[in-house]
C-alpha cells in the first residue's frame, strides 16, 4: 500500500514562487507500480482539476492555465514528485493534491494525498 504526503504549501504574494513536494511511502514493489503522478488542485467552490502530470518515463503534461509557470519533476531515488510554481497568481489559490496511479497484480491502483493549501495574496 502506497501513501502520499504533500508539503510545501503556504501563503505567498502574487508573483512569488512555491515548491510542492509529494513523498511516496510504502513497499518498494508498491511504489514501483506507480507509473503516473499528477498534481490536482481544487479552489473554493470549484471542481478538482488536473494541473500537471508526469510518467515514469518522464513525460509531462500541463494544464493551459499553468504552462510556462509550473514545472513537475520527480526524484525516483527519493520517491518524491515536485511541483515548482512560479509567477503565482491569485487564481492559483487552492488545495493541491498529489495523485498516483499504477497497475497492481489484480487491479488498477490509485492513491491520493491529503492535500496542501496554497494561498496567493493579490
N, C-alpha and C. Protein backbone atom coordinates (compact mmCIF):
# COMPACT_ATOMS: atom_id res chain seq x y z
N UNK A 1 0.84 -1.18 0.00
CA UNK A 1 0.00 0.00 0.00
C UNK A 1 0.88 1.24 0.00
N UNK A 2 0.65 2.12 -0.96
CA UNK A 2 1.41 3.36 -1.06
C UNK A 2 0.66 4.48 -0.37
N UNK A 3 1.38 5.31 0.33
CA UNK A 3 0.81 6.52 0.92
C UNK A 3 1.53 7.73 0.36
N UNK A 4 0.78 8.80 0.19
CA UNK A 4 1.33 10.04 -0.34
C UNK A 4 1.13 11.16 0.68
N UNK A 5 2.14 11.98 0.83
CA UNK A 5 2.05 13.14 1.72
C UNK A 5 2.61 14.35 1.00
N UNK A 6 1.78 15.38 0.89
CA UNK A 6 2.21 16.62 0.26
C UNK A 6 2.77 17.57 1.30
N UNK A 7 3.65 18.45 0.85
CA UNK A 7 4.18 19.50 1.72
C UNK A 7 4.61 20.67 0.84
N UNK A 8 4.86 21.80 1.47
CA UNK A 8 5.36 22.96 0.75
C UNK A 8 4.34 24.05 0.50
N UNK A 9 3.08 23.80 0.86
CA UNK A 9 2.08 24.83 0.67
C UNK A 9 2.26 25.97 1.66
N UNK A 10 1.54 27.05 1.42
CA UNK A 10 1.63 28.19 2.32
C UNK A 10 1.06 29.44 1.69
N UNK A 11 1.38 30.56 2.31
CA UNK A 11 0.91 31.86 1.84
C UNK A 11 2.04 32.55 1.09
N UNK A 12 1.71 33.05 -0.10
CA UNK A 12 2.71 33.73 -0.91
C UNK A 12 2.06 34.89 -1.65
N UNK A 13 2.81 35.92 -1.92
CA UNK A 13 2.27 37.05 -2.66
C UNK A 13 2.23 36.73 -4.15
N UNK A 14 1.34 37.38 -4.83
CA UNK A 14 1.26 37.21 -6.28
C UNK A 14 2.62 37.54 -6.90
N UNK A 15 3.02 36.71 -7.85
CA UNK A 15 4.32 36.85 -8.47
C UNK A 15 5.40 36.02 -7.83
N UNK A 16 5.10 35.48 -6.67
CA UNK A 16 6.08 34.67 -5.95
C UNK A 16 6.11 33.23 -6.40
N UNK A 17 6.89 32.43 -5.68
CA UNK A 17 7.09 31.03 -6.04
C UNK A 17 6.93 30.13 -4.82
N UNK A 18 6.54 28.90 -5.09
CA UNK A 18 6.49 27.84 -4.09
C UNK A 18 6.88 26.55 -4.77
N UNK A 19 7.41 25.64 -3.99
CA UNK A 19 7.68 24.29 -4.49
C UNK A 19 6.96 23.29 -3.60
N UNK A 20 6.07 22.55 -4.21
CA UNK A 20 5.34 21.50 -3.50
C UNK A 20 6.08 20.18 -3.67
N UNK A 21 6.00 19.37 -2.63
CA UNK A 21 6.60 18.03 -2.68
C UNK A 21 5.53 17.00 -2.38
N UNK A 22 5.67 15.86 -3.01
CA UNK A 22 4.77 14.73 -2.77
C UNK A 22 5.65 13.51 -2.53
N UNK A 23 5.71 13.08 -1.29
CA UNK A 23 6.56 11.96 -0.92
C UNK A 23 5.73 10.68 -0.84
N UNK A 24 6.21 9.66 -1.53
CA UNK A 24 5.54 8.36 -1.52
C UNK A 24 6.23 7.44 -0.53
N UNK A 25 5.44 6.74 0.25
CA UNK A 25 6.00 5.76 1.19
C UNK A 25 5.26 4.44 1.03
N UNK A 26 5.92 3.37 1.45
CA UNK A 26 5.34 2.04 1.31
C UNK A 26 6.41 1.08 0.84
N UNK A 27 5.98 -0.09 0.47
CA UNK A 27 6.95 -1.07 0.00
C UNK A 27 7.51 -0.65 -1.35
N UNK A 28 8.75 -1.05 -1.59
CA UNK A 28 9.40 -0.69 -2.85
C UNK A 28 8.60 -1.24 -4.03
N UNK A 29 8.11 -2.44 -3.91
CA UNK A 29 7.36 -3.04 -5.01
C UNK A 29 6.08 -2.27 -5.29
N UNK A 30 5.43 -1.77 -4.22
CA UNK A 30 4.20 -0.99 -4.42
C UNK A 30 4.51 0.34 -5.07
N UNK A 31 5.55 1.00 -4.59
CA UNK A 31 5.91 2.30 -5.17
C UNK A 31 6.30 2.15 -6.63
N UNK A 32 7.01 1.09 -6.93
CA UNK A 32 7.45 0.88 -8.33
C UNK A 32 6.28 0.63 -9.26
N UNK A 33 5.15 0.24 -8.74
CA UNK A 33 3.97 0.01 -9.58
C UNK A 33 3.31 1.32 -10.01
N UNK A 34 3.63 2.39 -9.31
CA UNK A 34 3.00 3.69 -9.61
C UNK A 34 3.75 4.35 -10.76
N UNK A 35 3.18 4.27 -11.94
CA UNK A 35 3.89 4.80 -13.11
C UNK A 35 3.49 6.21 -13.48
N UNK A 36 2.46 6.75 -12.84
CA UNK A 36 1.95 8.06 -13.22
C UNK A 36 1.64 8.87 -11.96
N UNK A 37 2.11 10.09 -11.94
CA UNK A 37 1.84 11.00 -10.84
C UNK A 37 1.24 12.29 -11.40
N UNK A 38 0.27 12.80 -10.67
CA UNK A 38 -0.34 14.05 -11.08
C UNK A 38 -0.56 14.97 -9.90
N UNK A 39 -0.52 16.24 -10.19
CA UNK A 39 -0.90 17.26 -9.21
C UNK A 39 -2.27 17.81 -9.63
N UNK A 40 -3.22 17.75 -8.73
CA UNK A 40 -4.54 18.33 -8.92
C UNK A 40 -4.68 19.51 -7.97
N UNK A 41 -5.65 20.37 -8.26
CA UNK A 41 -5.98 21.43 -7.32
C UNK A 41 -7.48 21.65 -7.32
N UNK A 42 -7.95 22.15 -6.17
CA UNK A 42 -9.36 22.46 -6.03
C UNK A 42 -9.48 23.78 -5.30
N UNK A 43 -9.94 24.79 -6.04
CA UNK A 43 -10.16 26.09 -5.45
C UNK A 43 -11.51 26.17 -4.78
N UNK A 44 -11.75 27.23 -4.02
CA UNK A 44 -13.03 27.40 -3.32
C UNK A 44 -14.21 27.37 -4.29
N UNK A 45 -15.14 26.47 -4.06
CA UNK A 45 -16.32 26.39 -4.90
C UNK A 45 -16.07 25.84 -6.29
N UNK A 46 -14.91 25.27 -6.51
CA UNK A 46 -14.57 24.77 -7.84
C UNK A 46 -14.38 23.26 -7.82
N UNK A 47 -14.41 22.67 -9.02
CA UNK A 47 -14.13 21.25 -9.14
C UNK A 47 -12.62 21.01 -9.14
N UNK A 48 -12.25 19.81 -8.74
CA UNK A 48 -10.85 19.45 -8.76
C UNK A 48 -10.38 19.35 -10.21
N UNK A 49 -9.22 19.93 -10.48
CA UNK A 49 -8.71 19.91 -11.85
C UNK A 49 -7.26 19.42 -11.86
N UNK A 50 -6.89 18.76 -12.96
CA UNK A 50 -5.52 18.29 -13.13
C UNK A 50 -4.65 19.47 -13.58
N UNK A 51 -3.57 19.67 -12.84
CA UNK A 51 -2.67 20.79 -13.13
C UNK A 51 -1.47 20.31 -13.94
N UNK A 52 -0.87 19.21 -13.51
CA UNK A 52 0.33 18.70 -14.18
C UNK A 52 0.47 17.22 -13.89
N UNK A 53 1.13 16.52 -14.80
CA UNK A 53 1.34 15.09 -14.61
C UNK A 53 2.69 14.69 -15.17
N UNK A 54 3.18 13.56 -14.66
CA UNK A 54 4.47 13.04 -15.12
C UNK A 54 4.42 11.52 -15.08
N UNK A 55 4.98 10.90 -16.10
CA UNK A 55 5.02 9.45 -16.15
C UNK A 55 6.35 8.93 -15.64
N UNK A 56 6.43 7.61 -15.51
CA UNK A 56 7.68 7.01 -15.06
C UNK A 56 8.80 7.27 -16.05
N UNK A 57 8.44 7.49 -17.31
CA UNK A 57 9.45 7.78 -18.32
C UNK A 57 9.83 9.24 -18.41
N UNK A 58 9.15 10.07 -17.61
CA UNK A 58 9.49 11.49 -17.57
C UNK A 58 8.65 12.38 -18.48
N UNK A 59 7.68 11.83 -19.16
CA UNK A 59 6.81 12.65 -20.00
C UNK A 59 5.90 13.49 -19.12
N UNK A 60 5.75 14.75 -19.49
CA UNK A 60 4.97 15.68 -18.67
C UNK A 60 3.84 16.30 -19.48
N UNK A 61 2.81 16.70 -18.77
CA UNK A 61 1.69 17.43 -19.35
C UNK A 61 1.23 18.48 -18.36
N UNK A 62 0.72 19.59 -18.91
CA UNK A 62 0.30 20.70 -18.07
C UNK A 62 -1.04 21.26 -18.53
N UNK A 63 -1.79 21.75 -17.57
CA UNK A 63 -2.99 22.49 -17.92
C UNK A 63 -2.58 23.80 -18.58
N UNK A 64 -3.39 24.28 -19.49
CA UNK A 64 -3.06 25.52 -20.20
C UNK A 64 -2.86 26.68 -19.23
N UNK A 65 -3.59 26.66 -18.14
CA UNK A 65 -3.54 27.78 -17.20
C UNK A 65 -2.21 27.89 -16.46
N UNK A 66 -1.39 26.84 -16.48
CA UNK A 66 -0.13 26.87 -15.73
C UNK A 66 1.09 26.67 -16.63
N UNK A 67 0.88 26.44 -17.90
CA UNK A 67 2.01 26.23 -18.82
C UNK A 67 2.94 27.44 -18.80
N UNK A 68 4.23 27.14 -18.69
CA UNK A 68 5.22 28.19 -18.64
C UNK A 68 5.48 28.73 -17.26
N UNK A 69 4.63 28.37 -16.31
CA UNK A 69 4.80 28.85 -14.93
C UNK A 69 5.10 27.71 -13.95
N UNK A 70 4.50 26.56 -14.18
CA UNK A 70 4.67 25.42 -13.28
C UNK A 70 5.54 24.35 -13.95
N UNK A 71 6.31 23.65 -13.13
CA UNK A 71 7.13 22.55 -13.63
C UNK A 71 7.00 21.36 -12.70
N UNK A 72 6.65 20.22 -13.27
CA UNK A 72 6.57 19.00 -12.49
C UNK A 72 7.83 18.17 -12.74
N UNK A 73 8.32 17.54 -11.68
CA UNK A 73 9.52 16.71 -11.81
C UNK A 73 9.44 15.60 -10.77
N UNK A 74 10.31 14.62 -10.92
CA UNK A 74 10.32 13.53 -9.96
C UNK A 74 11.75 13.11 -9.66
N UNK A 75 11.96 12.71 -8.43
CA UNK A 75 13.24 12.16 -8.00
C UNK A 75 12.96 10.72 -7.57
N UNK A 76 13.28 9.79 -8.45
CA UNK A 76 12.95 8.40 -8.16
C UNK A 76 13.72 7.85 -6.96
N UNK A 77 14.91 8.36 -6.76
CA UNK A 77 15.71 7.88 -5.63
C UNK A 77 15.06 8.27 -4.29
N UNK A 78 14.34 9.39 -4.30
CA UNK A 78 13.69 9.86 -3.07
C UNK A 78 12.20 9.55 -3.07
N UNK A 79 11.72 8.90 -4.13
CA UNK A 79 10.27 8.60 -4.23
C UNK A 79 9.44 9.86 -4.02
N UNK A 80 9.86 10.92 -4.66
CA UNK A 80 9.22 12.22 -4.45
C UNK A 80 8.95 12.89 -5.80
N UNK A 81 7.79 13.49 -5.88
CA UNK A 81 7.41 14.29 -7.05
C UNK A 81 7.27 15.73 -6.60
N UNK A 82 7.73 16.64 -7.44
CA UNK A 82 7.71 18.05 -7.09
C UNK A 82 6.84 18.84 -8.07
N UNK A 83 6.35 19.96 -7.57
CA UNK A 83 5.67 20.92 -8.44
C UNK A 83 6.25 22.29 -8.12
N UNK A 84 7.09 22.78 -9.02
CA UNK A 84 7.65 24.12 -8.88
C UNK A 84 6.66 25.12 -9.48
N UNK A 85 6.23 26.05 -8.67
CA UNK A 85 5.23 27.01 -9.12
C UNK A 85 5.83 28.41 -9.08
N UNK A 86 5.94 29.03 -10.23
CA UNK A 86 6.49 30.38 -10.34
C UNK A 86 5.42 31.34 -10.85
N UNK A 87 5.68 32.61 -10.68
CA UNK A 87 4.75 33.65 -11.15
C UNK A 87 3.33 33.35 -10.70
N UNK A 88 3.19 33.07 -9.43
CA UNK A 88 1.88 32.67 -8.91
C UNK A 88 0.87 33.79 -9.02
N UNK A 89 -0.37 33.40 -9.30
CA UNK A 89 -1.46 34.34 -9.44
C UNK A 89 -2.51 34.06 -8.35
N UNK A 90 -3.34 35.03 -8.12
CA UNK A 90 -4.39 34.89 -7.11
C UNK A 90 -5.23 33.65 -7.41
N UNK A 91 -5.50 33.44 -8.70
CA UNK A 91 -6.37 32.33 -9.09
C UNK A 91 -5.70 30.96 -8.93
N UNK A 92 -4.43 30.93 -8.55
CA UNK A 92 -3.77 29.66 -8.24
C UNK A 92 -4.08 29.19 -6.82
N UNK A 93 -4.77 30.04 -6.06
CA UNK A 93 -5.14 29.67 -4.70
C UNK A 93 -6.03 28.43 -4.71
N UNK A 94 -5.61 27.41 -3.98
CA UNK A 94 -6.35 26.14 -3.98
C UNK A 94 -5.68 25.17 -3.03
N UNK A 95 -6.37 24.09 -2.76
CA UNK A 95 -5.74 22.94 -2.11
C UNK A 95 -5.16 22.08 -3.23
N UNK A 96 -3.90 21.76 -3.11
CA UNK A 96 -3.20 20.97 -4.12
C UNK A 96 -3.05 19.53 -3.63
N UNK A 97 -3.44 18.61 -4.49
CA UNK A 97 -3.42 17.19 -4.14
C UNK A 97 -2.48 16.43 -5.07
N UNK A 98 -1.77 15.50 -4.49
CA UNK A 98 -0.93 14.60 -5.28
C UNK A 98 -1.72 13.31 -5.52
N UNK A 99 -1.60 12.79 -6.71
CA UNK A 99 -2.32 11.57 -7.10
C UNK A 99 -1.35 10.63 -7.81
N UNK A 100 -1.40 9.37 -7.46
CA UNK A 100 -0.53 8.38 -8.10
C UNK A 100 -1.39 7.24 -8.63
N UNK A 101 -1.02 6.74 -9.80
CA UNK A 101 -1.76 5.63 -10.42
C UNK A 101 -0.78 4.58 -10.94
N UNK A 102 -1.26 3.36 -10.90
CA UNK A 102 -0.43 2.29 -11.40
C UNK A 102 -1.24 1.03 -11.63
N UNK A 103 -0.53 -0.02 -11.92
CA UNK A 103 -1.17 -1.31 -12.18
C UNK A 103 -0.69 -2.30 -11.14
N UNK A 104 -1.63 -2.85 -10.35
CA UNK A 104 -1.29 -3.86 -9.37
C UNK A 104 -1.46 -5.25 -9.95
N UNK A 105 -1.19 -6.26 -9.16
CA UNK A 105 -1.31 -7.65 -9.66
C UNK A 105 -2.73 -8.04 -10.00
N UNK A 106 -3.71 -7.36 -9.40
CA UNK A 106 -5.11 -7.76 -9.62
C UNK A 106 -6.00 -6.63 -10.10
N UNK A 107 -5.53 -5.38 -9.92
CA UNK A 107 -6.42 -4.26 -10.24
C UNK A 107 -5.60 -3.00 -10.44
N UNK A 108 -6.28 -2.00 -10.98
CA UNK A 108 -5.65 -0.70 -11.11
C UNK A 108 -5.49 -0.09 -9.72
N UNK A 109 -4.46 0.69 -9.57
CA UNK A 109 -4.15 1.31 -8.29
C UNK A 109 -4.28 2.82 -8.40
N UNK A 110 -4.78 3.45 -7.37
CA UNK A 110 -4.87 4.90 -7.33
C UNK A 110 -4.78 5.34 -5.88
N UNK A 111 -3.94 6.34 -5.64
CA UNK A 111 -3.74 6.84 -4.28
C UNK A 111 -3.77 8.37 -4.31
N UNK A 112 -4.38 8.95 -3.28
CA UNK A 112 -4.43 10.40 -3.13
C UNK A 112 -3.73 10.81 -1.84
N UNK A 113 -3.08 11.95 -1.88
CA UNK A 113 -2.57 12.54 -0.66
C UNK A 113 -3.64 13.40 -0.02
N UNK A 114 -3.43 13.86 1.21
CA UNK A 114 -4.44 14.65 1.92
C UNK A 114 -4.54 16.09 1.43
N UNK A 115 -3.55 16.56 0.69
CA UNK A 115 -3.59 17.91 0.15
C UNK A 115 -2.78 18.90 0.96
N UNK A 116 -2.38 19.97 0.28
CA UNK A 116 -1.67 21.07 0.93
C UNK A 116 -2.23 22.38 0.37
N UNK A 117 -2.47 23.33 1.25
CA UNK A 117 -3.13 24.57 0.87
C UNK A 117 -2.11 25.59 0.37
N UNK A 118 -2.42 26.15 -0.79
CA UNK A 118 -1.64 27.25 -1.36
C UNK A 118 -2.54 28.47 -1.41
N UNK A 119 -2.10 29.54 -0.79
CA UNK A 119 -2.87 30.79 -0.80
C UNK A 119 -2.00 31.88 -1.40
N UNK A 120 -2.51 32.48 -2.47
CA UNK A 120 -1.78 33.55 -3.15
C UNK A 120 -2.51 34.86 -2.89
N UNK A 121 -1.83 35.79 -2.27
CA UNK A 121 -2.45 37.08 -1.97
C UNK A 121 -2.19 38.04 -3.13
N UNK A 122 -3.22 38.81 -3.42
CA UNK A 122 -3.11 39.73 -4.56
C UNK A 122 -2.47 41.04 -4.14
